[in-house]
Amino acid sequence: MDSAFSYNFPALRGMQAGKEYFVIMCPLRLIPKIFLFNEEEIPAQYRAQRILNKNRIPEITNYILDNSDDYVFSSLTASIDGELEFLPFSEEQTWNDLGRLQISLDSRFLINDGQHRRAAIEEALKISPELGDETISVVFFKDEGLQNSQQIFSDLNRHAVNTTTSIGILYDHRDQLSILTKEIVADNDLLTRYTDSERVNLSKNSPKLMALNHVFNTNLRLLDKSKGETIDHTEEEIVREFWPVLCESIPEWKMILNKEITPRELRANYIVGHGVFLEAAGIIGKAAVDHDFNQWKSYIKKLANIDWSRTNSKDWENRAFTSNGRIQKSNLTIRLTANKIKQKIGLPLTNYDQKTEQKMKVGNN
């Protein structure tokens, strides 16, 4: 192959299932030029991967731009439809898998895994061209037709397991609210002992009371924020002051801390052992702060006088749980649960709250 009319990459050669593959370091500026993905109008059975979800691209792009000093990307995986040749740098067996990969210029590169990263890199380069000299590792396979490319995509994603939301919060050292949430948990005896940092849904036998994502979502409700939004000093102080008051205001939680009941018993008998209550409590905190900034804690303390038992169907049926007693957590049920709590502690219902109540009445007729 004429090297003047080919791509040339330093490469490592490997072997899987009796077939060669190659790993290269590709400058980011080349990624948009040589890697293609299938046109969206082609039917799924004739494509080698899923349609690009364009809603994901800005998030990944911002991740690169906002963390240009310490972003991390895993390898792209691609198939090469065209002539290629691997030229070892040495004939010695120890070193003959290190060499140069020549790929003809008229070859077609098809991404099997990483199409959203590729699109985000292209967008990031438009804003920060200086990123072009940085590299990303690419794993190349020799293209053996559409069926093989589809199988590569299937195999790469077959065993992929998404991390839980709780793990994402635990390992996030950039997002302000994630950091604050972890500090809140670490500073509170009840939360430290009874918060699961890995799972998002606790089993009925779990020894934990809540999951880390429950605490985080409650904080989002408390501040009326979306994930990733910045928080100011006042908002941070509200969050820090909210949790000690809340933990002191739920008698059943104090019973957990004193080993008088188990988390399993709490979940079985009270709504305060479920995420629907926690997020509703966040809404209550927000409403109390908005209603009376100087006395908002007094409203949270009134939670101590409420009957949270699941036998209290008059208050919680069709709000925190269904008519058959099953706990239900959705935005609607969280709001309906919060509405009932507001009524019990003397907070006014907003116009939105009243519309939510009407939805429940219509649904029950």
Protein backbone atom coordinates (compact mmCIF):
# COMPACT_ATOMS: atom_id res chain seq x y z
CA MET A 1 0.00 0.00 0.00
CA ASP A 2 1.29 3.44 -0.90
CA SER A 3 1.93 5.24 2.41
CA ALA A 4 1.43 8.61 0.68
CA PHE A 5 -2.21 7.72 0.07
CA SER A 6 -3.09 6.19 3.40
CA TYR A 7 -3.75 6.98 7.03
CA ASN A 8 -0.79 5.97 9.20
CA PHE A 9 -1.19 5.38 12.93
CA PRO A 10 1.18 3.97 15.54
CA ALA A 11 -0.74 0.92 16.71
CA LEU A 12 -0.86 -2.14 18.93
CA ARG A 13 -2.04 -5.41 17.42
CA GLY A 14 -4.13 -7.85 19.43
CA MET A 15 -6.03 -11.07 18.89
CA GLN A 16 -9.56 -11.99 19.94
CA ALA A 17 -11.48 -15.06 18.77
CA GLY A 18 -8.74 -15.74 16.26
CA LYS A 19 -9.13 -12.34 14.61
CA GLU A 20 -6.78 -9.38 14.62
CA TYR A 21 -7.75 -6.04 16.05
CA PHE A 22 -5.75 -2.85 16.49
CA VAL A 23 -5.58 -0.07 19.08
CA ILE A 24 -4.49 3.41 18.02
CA MET A 25 -4.32 6.90 19.53
CA CYS A 26 -6.31 9.21 17.24
CA PRO A 27 -6.08 13.04 17.44
CA LEU A 28 -9.47 14.50 18.25
CA ARG A 29 -9.34 16.74 15.17
CA LEU A 30 -9.51 13.62 12.96
CA ILE A 31 -12.50 12.08 14.71
CA PRO A 32 -15.22 14.05 12.84
CA LYS A 33 -13.41 13.67 9.51
CA ILE A 34 -12.93 9.94 9.31
CA PHE A 35 -15.65 8.39 11.49
CA LEU A 36 -19.15 8.13 10.15
CA PHE A 37 -22.41 6.83 11.53
CA ASN A 38 -25.34 5.51 9.56
CA GLU A 39 -27.95 7.82 8.13
CA GLU A 40 -31.04 8.03 10.31
CA GLU A 41 -33.43 7.26 7.48
CA ILE A 42 -32.01 3.77 6.96
CA PRO A 43 -34.23 1.10 8.60
CA ALA A 44 -32.84 -0.41 11.80
CA GLN A 45 -32.19 -3.83 10.27
CA TYR A 46 -29.83 -2.21 7.74
CA ARG A 47 -27.89 -0.15 10.27
CA ALA A 48 -24.93 -1.23 12.39
CA GLN A 49 -25.95 0.76 15.47
CA ARG A 50 -28.81 2.72 17.01
CA ILE A 51 -29.91 6.16 15.78
CA LEU A 52 -27.98 9.04 17.30
CA ASN A 53 -29.84 10.57 20.25
CA LYS A 54 -29.11 14.23 19.64
CA ASN A 55 -30.39 15.21 23.08
CA ARG A 56 -27.37 13.54 24.66
CA ILE A 57 -24.79 15.49 22.65
CA PRO A 58 -24.92 18.89 24.46
CA GLU A 59 -24.44 17.22 27.84
CA ILE A 60 -21.35 15.34 26.69
CA THR A 61 -20.04 18.39 24.85
CA ASN A 62 -20.37 20.53 27.96
CA TYR A 63 -18.63 17.85 29.97
CA ILE A 64 -15.59 18.15 27.69
CA LEU A 65 -15.58 21.95 27.64
CA ASP A 66 -16.24 22.42 31.35
CA ASN A 67 -13.59 19.90 32.35
CA SER A 68 -10.94 20.40 29.70
CA ASP A 69 -8.20 19.79 32.26
CA ASP A 70 -9.48 16.45 33.52
CA TYR A 71 -12.17 14.94 31.26
CA VAL A 72 -11.96 11.19 30.61
CA PHE A 73 -13.25 9.20 27.63
CA SER A 74 -13.22 5.46 27.08
CA SER A 75 -12.19 4.04 23.70
CA LEU A 76 -14.20 4.28 20.53
CA THR A 77 -14.76 1.00 18.71
CA ALA A 78 -14.92 1.01 14.93
CA SER A 79 -14.89 -1.25 11.90
CA ILE A 80 -12.71 -0.56 8.84
CA ASP A 81 -14.23 -1.25 5.45
CA GLY A 82 -11.21 -0.97 3.19
CA GLU A 83 -7.62 -1.98 2.69
CA LEU A 84 -5.39 -2.02 5.76
CA GLU A 85 -1.92 -3.30 6.58
CA PHE A 86 -0.05 -3.66 9.86
CA LEU A 87 3.71 -3.12 9.70
CA PRO A 88 5.57 -4.27 12.86
CA PHE A 89 8.41 -2.09 14.08
CA SER A 90 10.43 -5.21 14.89
CA GLU A 91 10.53 -8.84 13.83
CA GLU A 92 11.28 -9.94 17.38
CA GLN A 93 8.36 -11.88 18.81
CA THR A 94 8.29 -9.69 21.92
CA TRP A 95 7.81 -6.52 19.88
CA ASN A 96 6.09 -7.60 16.67
CA ASP A 97 2.65 -6.49 17.88
CA LEU A 98 3.87 -2.90 18.10
CA GLY A 99 3.93 -1.13 14.76
CA ARG A 100 2.25 1.09 12.21
CA LEU A 101 -1.27 0.62 10.89
CA GLN A 102 -1.77 1.76 7.29
CA ILE A 103 -5.35 2.32 6.17
CA SER A 104 -6.21 3.34 2.62
CA LEU A 105 -7.69 6.81 2.27
CA ASP A 106 -10.80 5.50 0.54
CA SER A 107 -11.66 3.24 3.48
CA ARG A 108 -14.92 3.67 5.33
CA PHE A 109 -14.82 3.84 9.12
CA LEU A 110 -17.97 2.79 10.97
CA ILE A 111 -18.30 3.41 14.70
CA ASN A 112 -19.67 0.39 16.52
CA ASP A 113 -19.54 1.97 19.95
CA GLY A 114 -19.09 5.66 20.84
CA GLN A 115 -21.14 7.55 18.27
CA HIS A 116 -22.37 10.06 20.88
CA ARG A 117 -18.81 10.71 22.04
CA ARG A 118 -17.80 11.24 18.42
CA ALA A 119 -20.60 13.78 17.86
CA ALA A 120 -19.80 15.59 21.11
CA ILE A 121 -16.11 15.79 20.19
CA GLU A 122 -17.07 17.40 16.89
CA GLU A 123 -19.17 20.03 18.67
CA ALA A 124 -16.49 20.68 21.30
CA LEU A 125 -13.87 21.25 18.61
CA LYS A 126 -16.00 23.98 17.05
CA ILE A 127 -15.80 25.91 20.31
CA SER A 128 -12.30 24.88 21.44
CA PRO A 129 -10.19 23.94 18.38
CA GLU A 130 -7.13 23.66 20.63
CA LEU A 131 -8.49 20.32 21.81
CA GLY A 132 -7.71 18.91 18.37
CA ASP A 133 -4.20 17.77 19.30
CA GLU A 134 -5.45 15.68 22.20
CA THR A 135 -6.13 12.02 21.54
CA ILE A 136 -8.65 9.29 22.17
CA SER A 137 -7.97 5.59 21.92
CA VAL A 138 -9.74 3.72 19.14
CA VAL A 139 -10.13 -0.05 18.79
CA PHE A 140 -10.28 -1.10 15.12
CA PHE A 141 -11.76 -4.29 13.73
CA LYS A 142 -11.62 -5.37 10.11
CA ASP A 143 -15.11 -4.94 8.64
CA GLU A 144 -16.70 -8.20 7.60
CA GLY A 145 -20.08 -6.92 6.53
CA LEU A 146 -23.21 -5.49 8.11
CA GLN A 147 -24.13 -8.61 10.06
CA ASN A 148 -20.73 -8.71 11.76
CA SER A 149 -20.86 -4.98 12.57
CA GLN A 150 -24.30 -5.40 14.10
CA GLN A 151 -23.00 -8.33 16.15
CA ILE A 152 -20.06 -6.24 17.42
CA PHE A 153 -22.52 -3.56 18.59
CA SER A 154 -24.70 -6.18 20.27
CA ASP A 155 -21.75 -7.88 21.97
CA LEU A 156 -20.29 -4.60 23.24
CA ASN A 157 -23.60 -3.61 24.82
CA ARG A 158 -24.80 -7.05 25.90
CA HIS A 159 -23.01 -7.03 29.23
CA ALA A 160 -22.88 -3.28 29.81
CA VAL A 161 -24.46 -2.33 33.13
CA ASN A 162 -25.31 1.29 33.79
CA THR A 163 -24.17 2.62 37.13
CA THR A 164 -26.92 3.45 39.59
CA THR A 165 -27.89 7.05 40.26
CA SER A 166 -26.58 6.66 43.80
CA ILE A 167 -23.16 5.53 42.58
CA GLY A 168 -23.13 8.44 40.14
CA ILE A 169 -23.73 10.87 43.01
CA LEU A 170 -21.18 9.13 45.24
CA TYR A 171 -18.44 9.38 42.62
CA ASP A 172 -19.32 12.89 41.37
CA HIS A 173 -16.80 15.41 42.67
CA ARG A 174 -17.88 18.28 40.42
CA ASP A 175 -21.60 18.79 40.90
CA GLN A 176 -22.24 21.13 43.84
CA LEU A 177 -25.37 19.40 45.08
CA SER A 178 -23.80 15.94 44.83
CA ILE A 179 -20.92 17.11 46.99
CA LEU A 180 -23.27 18.81 49.45
CA THR A 181 -25.51 15.74 49.64
CA LYS A 182 -22.55 13.53 50.57
CA GLU A 183 -21.48 16.02 53.23
CA ILE A 184 -25.01 16.09 54.67
CA VAL A 185 -25.04 12.30 54.93
CA ALA A 186 -21.57 12.19 56.49
CA ASP A 187 -22.49 14.79 59.14
CA ASN A 188 -25.73 13.16 60.31
CA ASP A 189 -25.69 10.03 62.50
CA LEU A 190 -28.96 8.65 61.15
CA LEU A 191 -28.09 9.29 57.50
CA THR A 192 -24.54 7.97 57.88
CA ARG A 193 -25.73 4.66 59.31
CA TYR A 194 -28.84 4.14 57.26
CA THR A 195 -28.15 5.56 53.77
CA ASP A 196 -27.29 3.09 51.02
CA SER A 197 -24.67 4.69 48.77
CA GLU A 198 -25.00 2.22 45.90
CA ARG A 199 -28.61 1.22 45.33
CA VAL A 200 -31.52 3.34 44.14
CA ASN A 201 -34.33 1.05 45.26
CA LEU A 202 -34.13 -0.71 48.60
CA SER A 203 -35.50 -4.21 49.03
CA LYS A 204 -38.04 -4.83 51.78
CA ASN A 205 -35.33 -6.57 53.80
CA SER A 206 -32.66 -3.90 53.35
CA PRO A 207 -31.00 -2.82 56.62
CA LYS A 208 -30.84 0.72 55.24
CA LEU A 209 -33.51 3.39 55.55
CA MET A 210 -32.95 5.33 52.33
CA ALA A 211 -30.71 5.48 49.27
CA LEU A 212 -28.27 8.25 48.46
CA ASN A 213 -30.29 9.22 45.40
CA HIS A 214 -33.34 9.68 47.68
CA VAL A 215 -31.42 12.26 49.72
CA PHE A 216 -30.19 13.95 46.54
CA ASN A 217 -33.66 14.07 44.96
CA THR A 218 -35.10 15.48 48.19
CA ASN A 219 -32.50 18.25 48.01
CA LEU A 220 -33.50 18.97 44.41
CA ARG A 221 -37.11 19.34 45.57
CA LEU A 222 -36.06 21.45 48.55
CA LEU A 223 -34.24 23.93 46.31
CA ASP A 224 -36.54 23.51 43.31
CA LYS A 225 -33.47 22.84 41.17
CA SER A 226 -32.53 20.56 38.31
CA LYS A 227 -29.46 18.37 38.45
CA GLY A 228 -26.33 20.32 37.54
CA GLU A 229 -27.65 23.78 38.44
CA THR A 230 -25.47 25.91 40.68
CA ILE A 231 -26.51 26.72 44.25
CA ASP A 232 -25.71 29.84 46.23
CA HIS A 233 -24.61 30.17 49.86
CA THR A 234 -28.14 30.73 51.17
CA GLU A 235 -29.44 27.62 49.42
CA GLU A 236 -26.55 25.59 50.79
CA GLU A 237 -27.34 26.72 54.32
CA ILE A 238 -31.01 25.78 53.88
CA VAL A 239 -30.02 22.25 52.88
CA ARG A 240 -27.57 21.93 55.77
CA GLU A 241 -30.19 23.09 58.28
CA PHE A 242 -33.07 21.11 56.78
CA TRP A 243 -31.85 17.57 57.39
CA PRO A 244 -31.13 17.75 61.14
CA VAL A 245 -34.57 19.29 61.70
CA LEU A 246 -36.27 16.69 59.50
CA CYS A 247 -34.50 13.77 61.19
CA GLU A 248 -35.50 15.09 64.62
CA SER A 249 -39.11 15.59 63.50
CA ILE A 250 -39.87 12.02 62.41
CA PRO A 251 -40.37 9.89 65.55
CA GLU A 252 -40.14 6.66 63.58
CA TRP A 253 -36.68 7.60 62.31
CA LYS A 254 -35.51 8.19 65.87
CA MET A 255 -36.87 4.74 66.74
CA ILE A 256 -34.64 3.34 63.98
CA LEU A 257 -31.61 5.11 65.41
CA ASN A 258 -32.45 3.80 68.91
CA LYS A 259 -32.87 0.23 67.55
CA GLU A 260 -36.50 0.14 68.64
CA ILE A 261 -37.68 -0.90 65.18
CA THR A 262 -35.87 -2.11 62.06
CA PRO A 263 -35.87 -0.46 58.63
CA ARG A 264 -37.83 -3.46 57.37
CA GLU A 265 -40.55 -2.85 59.97
CA LEU A 266 -40.57 0.84 59.16
CA ARG A 267 -41.10 0.22 55.44
CA ALA A 268 -43.83 -2.28 56.14
CA ASN A 269 -45.80 -0.03 58.47
CA TYR A 270 -45.05 3.62 57.69
CA ILE A 271 -44.81 5.83 54.59
CA VAL A 272 -41.78 7.64 56.06
CA GLY A 273 -39.70 4.62 55.03
CA HIS A 274 -40.20 5.31 51.33
CA GLY A 275 -38.91 7.68 48.66
CA VAL A 276 -42.37 9.14 48.02
CA PHE A 277 -42.30 10.67 51.52
CA LEU A 278 -38.72 11.90 51.25
CA GLU A 279 -39.30 13.85 48.06
CA ALA A 280 -42.59 15.15 49.43
CA ALA A 281 -40.64 16.37 52.47
CA GLY A 282 -38.36 18.29 50.11
CA ILE A 283 -41.40 20.01 48.61
CA ILE A 284 -42.63 20.84 52.12
CA GLY A 285 -39.27 22.35 52.98
CA LYS A 286 -39.36 24.55 49.89
CA ALA A 287 -42.94 25.66 50.65
CA ALA A 288 -42.05 26.47 54.27
CA VAL A 289 -39.03 28.55 53.25
CA ASP A 290 -41.09 30.47 50.68
CA HIS A 291 -43.97 31.00 53.11
CA ASP A 292 -41.94 32.22 56.10
CA PHE A 293 -38.18 32.34 55.67
CA ASN A 294 -37.58 33.22 59.33
CA GLN A 295 -39.82 30.50 60.79
CA TRP A 296 -39.64 27.73 58.20
CA LYS A 297 -38.15 25.22 60.63
CA SER A 298 -41.23 25.46 62.83
CA TYR A 299 -43.31 23.95 60.02
CA ILE A 300 -40.90 21.04 59.59
CA LYS A 301 -41.08 20.34 63.34
CA LYS A 302 -44.86 19.91 63.03
CA LEU A 303 -44.22 16.71 61.07
CA ALA A 304 -43.70 15.03 64.45
CA ASN A 305 -47.46 15.19 65.09
CA ILE A 306 -48.60 13.42 61.91
CA ASP A 307 -49.76 9.81 61.72
CA TRP A 308 -47.48 8.28 59.09
CA SER A 309 -48.77 4.72 59.42
CA ARG A 310 -49.92 2.85 56.36
CA THR A 311 -53.11 2.01 58.19
CA ASN A 312 -53.99 5.71 57.96
CA SER A 313 -55.66 5.22 54.60
CA LYS A 314 -57.80 8.34 55.08
CA ASP A 315 -54.73 10.53 54.60
CA TRP A 316 -52.41 8.49 52.40
CA GLU A 317 -54.53 6.25 50.16
CA ASN A 318 -54.35 7.36 46.51
CA ARG A 319 -51.48 9.61 47.52
CA ALA A 320 -48.54 7.66 48.96
CA PHE A 321 -50.10 4.27 48.22
CA THR A 322 -52.80 2.74 46.03
CA SER A 323 -56.14 1.37 47.18
CA ASN A 324 -54.54 -2.06 47.56
CA GLY A 325 -51.86 -0.65 49.87
CA ARG A 326 -48.98 -0.64 47.39
CA ILE A 327 -46.56 2.29 47.73
CA GLN A 328 -46.47 4.33 44.53
CA LYS A 329 -43.84 6.92 43.70
CA SER A 330 -44.39 9.27 40.78
CA ASN A 331 -44.31 13.02 40.42
CA LEU A 332 -48.09 13.07 40.89
CA THR A 333 -48.13 10.95 44.06
CA ILE A 334 -45.21 12.90 45.52
CA ARG A 335 -47.15 16.12 44.96
CA LEU A 336 -50.36 14.65 46.37
CA THR A 337 -48.52 13.42 49.46
CA ALA A 338 -46.94 16.85 49.90
CA ASN A 339 -50.37 18.48 49.55
CA LYS A 340 -51.80 16.45 52.42
CA ILE A 341 -48.79 17.27 54.60
CA LYS A 342 -49.20 20.97 53.81
CA GLN A 343 -52.82 20.83 54.94
CA LYS A 344 -51.85 19.16 58.18
CA ILE A 345 -49.11 21.62 59.14
CA GLY A 346 -50.83 24.80 58.00
CA LEU A 347 -49.07 25.62 54.75
CA PRO A 348 -51.28 27.00 51.95
CA LEU A 349 -51.83 25.07 48.73
CA THR A 350 -50.66 26.81 45.58
CA ASN A 351 -52.75 27.00 42.41
CA TYR A 352 -50.67 24.12 41.05
CA ASP A 353 -51.38 22.11 44.21
CA GLN A 354 -55.10 22.70 43.83
CA LYS A 355 -55.02 21.54 40.21
CA THR A 356 -53.20 18.41 41.36
CA GLU A 357 -55.96 17.78 43.89
CA GLN A 358 -58.53 18.06 41.14
CA LYS A 359 -56.65 15.45 39.12
CA MET A 360 -56.85 13.06 42.05
CA LYS A 361 -60.59 13.64 42.49
CA VAL A 362 -61.23 13.07 38.80
CA GLY A 363 -59.10 9.93 38.85
CA ASN A 364 -60.99 8.51 41.83
CA ASN A 365 -64.44 9.08 40.31
